[in-house]
Every structure is written in C-alpha cells, then in structure tokens.
Amino acid sequence: MATIETHKSSGIGRDLVVYICLLVLAGVQFLIAYQNISTSQMFVRMLAVACIEAGIAVLFFMHLWSEKRAFLVFVIVFTISVLLGMQYGWTDSTRMVDGAPFSKVQ
C-alpha cells in the first residue's frame, strides 16, 4: 500500500501554485497591453509571455514534467519542427493574388 500512495501526485497544492502563476502572467499581459510602446515591442513582449504561459500549462497540466527527459526533448523538437514547417508556406501566400512568380511575359 505504501508504494501506491508514493506514486500519487503531490495534491492540489502544486496545481494551485501553477494556476496562480498563470494568473499572474495573464496580469502581466494586461499590463503590457496598456503600456505606451510600439506595436513590434508589444508583440514581442506578449509573445514571450504567451510562450511562457503555454510552456507552464503543457509541463504541469498535461503532466509532461513527470515524463522522461528524452520524451520531453522529443516533444519540444517535434513542436518546433512543425511550427517551422508551417512557416515554410508563407512565402507562397501571395500566389493567389499575384500569380506564380516570374511567370508573366514582359
């Protein structure tokens, strides 16, 4: 019986701390939104805070923190690869408007 209880999570305490951290980060985003800064600075700051929030949520609420490190590294590398692969098509996003590049006879 002792082994079963040692495998239980640490209870609601950790989840509550993570939830409070996420609320604080949401408040930071609210403060950033009302700062008098340029759009590019606001975008970078908001994106940084959002990435931290997403990382905390994935690590704790999806229980990736308790997984093996090799699996965690795989998930990170796979996610970055997918995001970079999705960005590959943006260079072709104006094809519907402009047509294929270098196809017009001059």
C-alpha atoms as a PDB file:
ATOM      1  CA  MET A   1       0.000   0.000   0.000  1.00  0.00           C
ATOM      2  CA  ALA A   2       2.855   2.396   0.662  1.00  0.00           C
ATOM      3  CA  THR A   3       4.021   2.239  -2.951  1.00  0.00           C
ATOM      4  CA  ILE A   4       0.607   3.192  -4.255  1.00  0.00           C
ATOM      5  CA  GLU A   5       0.491   6.327  -2.139  1.00  0.00           C
ATOM      6  CA  THR A   6       4.017   7.377  -3.092  1.00  0.00           C
ATOM      7  CA  HIS A   7       3.020   7.415  -6.770  1.00  0.00           C
ATOM      8  CA  LYS A   8       0.160   9.832  -6.190  1.00  0.00           C
ATOM      9  CA  SER A   9       0.659  13.413  -7.290  1.00  0.00           C
ATOM     10  CA  SER A  10       1.605  15.980  -4.703  1.00  0.00           C
ATOM     11  CA  GLY A  11      -2.005  17.036  -4.450  1.00  0.00           C
ATOM     12  CA  ILE A  12      -3.790  20.198  -5.351  1.00  0.00           C
ATOM     13  CA  GLY A  13      -1.041  22.405  -3.919  1.00  0.00           C
ATOM     14  CA  ARG A  14       1.181  22.266  -6.982  1.00  0.00           C
ATOM     15  CA  ASP A  15      -1.750  22.789  -9.338  1.00  0.00           C
ATOM     16  CA  LEU A  16      -2.876  25.785  -7.313  1.00  0.00           C
ATOM     17  CA  VAL A  17       0.609  27.343  -7.428  1.00  0.00           C
ATOM     18  CA  VAL A  18       0.793  26.796 -11.199  1.00  0.00           C
ATOM     19  CA  TYR A  19      -2.684  28.274 -11.628  1.00  0.00           C
ATOM     20  CA  ILE A  20      -1.704  31.359  -9.615  1.00  0.00           C
ATOM     21  CA  CYS A  21       1.455  31.735 -11.742  1.00  0.00           C
ATOM     22  CA  LEU A  22      -0.683  31.604 -14.878  1.00  0.00           C
ATOM     23  CA  LEU A  23      -2.997  34.262 -13.443  1.00  0.00           C
ATOM     24  CA  VAL A  24      -0.010  36.483 -12.644  1.00  0.00           C
ATOM     25  CA  LEU A  25       1.297  36.056 -16.194  1.00  0.00           C
ATOM     26  CA  ALA A  26      -2.132  36.959 -17.551  1.00  0.00           C
ATOM     27  CA  GLY A  27      -1.978  40.099 -15.413  1.00  0.00           C
ATOM     28  CA  VAL A  28       1.454  40.862 -16.864  1.00  0.00           C
ATOM     29  CA  GLN A  29      -0.064  40.617 -20.341  1.00  0.00           C
ATOM     30  CA  PHE A  30      -2.788  43.021 -19.258  1.00  0.00           C
ATOM     31  CA  LEU A  31      -0.139  45.492 -18.054  1.00  0.00           C
ATOM     32  CA  ILE A  32       1.835  45.117 -21.283  1.00  0.00           C
ATOM     33  CA  ALA A  33      -1.304  45.841 -23.298  1.00  0.00           C
ATOM     34  CA  TYR A  34      -1.756  49.211 -21.606  1.00  0.00           C
ATOM     35  CA  GLN A  35       1.861  50.343 -21.920  1.00  0.00           C
ATOM     36  CA  ASN A  36       2.633  53.111 -24.367  1.00  0.00           C
ATOM     37  CA  ILE A  37       5.067  51.161 -26.559  1.00  0.00           C
ATOM     38  CA  SER A  38       5.384  50.427 -30.250  1.00  0.00           C
ATOM     39  CA  THR A  39       3.455  47.607 -31.847  1.00  0.00           C
ATOM     40  CA  SER A  40       6.540  45.499 -32.503  1.00  0.00           C
ATOM     41  CA  GLN A  41       7.716  45.799 -28.895  1.00  0.00           C
ATOM     42  CA  MET A  42       4.256  44.874 -27.650  1.00  0.00           C
ATOM     43  CA  PHE A  43       4.127  41.887 -29.997  1.00  0.00           C
ATOM     44  CA  VAL A  44       7.489  40.564 -28.800  1.00  0.00           C
ATOM     45  CA  ARG A  45       6.634  41.005 -25.137  1.00  0.00           C
ATOM     46  CA  MET A  46       3.185  39.450 -25.482  1.00  0.00           C
ATOM     47  CA  LEU A  47       4.589  36.534 -27.473  1.00  0.00           C
ATOM     48  CA  ALA A  48       7.275  35.903 -24.856  1.00  0.00           C
ATOM     49  CA  VAL A  49       4.758  35.875 -22.004  1.00  0.00           C
ATOM     50  CA  ALA A  50       2.360  33.680 -24.013  1.00  0.00           C
ATOM     51  CA  CYS A  51       5.136  31.164 -24.731  1.00  0.00           C
ATOM     52  CA  ILE A  52       5.984  31.010 -21.027  1.00  0.00           C
ATOM     53  CA  GLU A  53       2.306  30.512 -20.158  1.00  0.00           C
ATOM     54  CA  ALA A  54       1.923  27.772 -22.752  1.00  0.00           C
ATOM     55  CA  GLY A  55       5.079  26.051 -21.552  1.00  0.00           C
ATOM     56  CA  ILE A  56       3.915  26.055 -17.939  1.00  0.00           C
ATOM     57  CA  ALA A  57       0.473  24.767 -18.916  1.00  0.00           C
ATOM     58  CA  VAL A  58       1.899  21.958 -21.035  1.00  0.00           C
ATOM     59  CA  LEU A  59       4.503  20.936 -18.475  1.00  0.00           C
ATOM     60  CA  PHE A  60       2.184  20.779 -15.490  1.00  0.00           C
ATOM     61  CA  PHE A  61      -1.408  20.353 -16.661  1.00  0.00           C
ATOM     62  CA  MET A  62      -0.506  17.842 -19.388  1.00  0.00           C
ATOM     63  CA  HIS A  63       1.944  16.158 -16.993  1.00  0.00           C
ATOM     64  CA  LEU A  64       4.959  16.395 -19.282  1.00  0.00           C
ATOM     65  CA  TRP A  65       7.064  17.434 -16.288  1.00  0.00           C
ATOM     66  CA  SER A  66       6.854  13.906 -14.882  1.00  0.00           C
ATOM     67  CA  GLU A  67       7.756  12.191 -18.165  1.00  0.00           C
ATOM     68  CA  LYS A  68      11.208  11.008 -19.145  1.00  0.00           C
ATOM     69  CA  ARG A  69      13.541  13.759 -20.304  1.00  0.00           C
ATOM     70  CA  ALA A  70      14.071  12.107 -23.701  1.00  0.00           C
ATOM     71  CA  PHE A  71      10.329  12.261 -24.381  1.00  0.00           C
ATOM     72  CA  LEU A  72      10.201  15.903 -23.279  1.00  0.00           C
ATOM     73  CA  VAL A  73      13.060  16.781 -25.643  1.00  0.00           C
ATOM     74  CA  PHE A  74      11.300  14.891 -28.448  1.00  0.00           C
ATOM     75  CA  VAL A  75       8.065  16.839 -27.898  1.00  0.00           C
ATOM     76  CA  ILE A  76       9.931  20.161 -27.903  1.00  0.00           C
ATOM     77  CA  VAL A  77      11.918  19.350 -31.059  1.00  0.00           C
ATOM     78  CA  PHE A  78       8.833  17.971 -32.824  1.00  0.00           C
ATOM     79  CA  THR A  79       6.743  21.038 -31.942  1.00  0.00           C
ATOM     80  CA  ILE A  80       9.420  23.439 -33.154  1.00  0.00           C
ATOM     81  CA  SER A  81       9.822  21.412 -36.372  1.00  0.00           C
ATOM     82  CA  VAL A  82       6.089  21.521 -37.052  1.00  0.00           C
ATOM     83  CA  LEU A  83       5.922  25.270 -36.403  1.00  0.00           C
ATOM     84  CA  LEU A  84       8.889  25.907 -38.685  1.00  0.00           C
ATOM     85  CA  GLY A  85       7.363  23.642 -41.342  1.00  0.00           C
ATOM     86  CA  MET A  86       4.134  25.621 -41.180  1.00  0.00           C
ATOM     87  CA  GLN A  87       6.092  28.819 -41.774  1.00  0.00           C
ATOM     88  CA  TYR A  88       7.571  27.422 -44.978  1.00  0.00           C
ATOM     89  CA  GLY A  89       4.363  28.123 -46.912  1.00  0.00           C
ATOM     90  CA  TRP A  90       4.083  31.815 -46.008  1.00  0.00           C
ATOM     91  CA  THR A  91       6.456  32.829 -48.774  1.00  0.00           C
ATOM     92  CA  ASP A  92       3.917  31.468 -51.258  1.00  0.00           C
ATOM     93  CA  SER A  93       0.907  33.149 -49.629  1.00  0.00           C
ATOM     94  CA  THR A  94       0.520  35.856 -52.303  1.00  0.00           C
ATOM     95  CA  ARG A  95       0.393  33.426 -55.208  1.00  0.00           C
ATOM     96  CA  MET A  96      -3.404  33.677 -55.457  1.00  0.00           C
ATOM     97  CA  VAL A  97      -3.169  37.456 -55.821  1.00  0.00           C
ATOM     98  CA  ASP A  98      -0.042  37.895 -57.921  1.00  0.00           C
ATOM     99  CA  GLY A  99       0.173  34.573 -59.751  1.00  0.00           C
ATOM    100  CA  ALA A 100       3.243  32.387 -59.943  1.00  0.00           C
ATOM    101  CA  PRO A 101       6.491  34.334 -59.584  1.00  0.00           C
ATOM    102  CA  PHE A 102       8.357  35.112 -62.824  1.00  0.00           C
ATOM    103  CA  SER A 103       5.516  33.688 -64.942  1.00  0.00           C
ATOM    104  CA  LYS A 104       4.434  36.936 -66.582  1.00  0.00           C
ATOM    105  CA  VAL A 105       5.768  37.681 -70.023  1.00  0.00           C
ATOM    106  CA  GLN A 106       7.110  41.188 -70.242  1.00  0.00           C
END
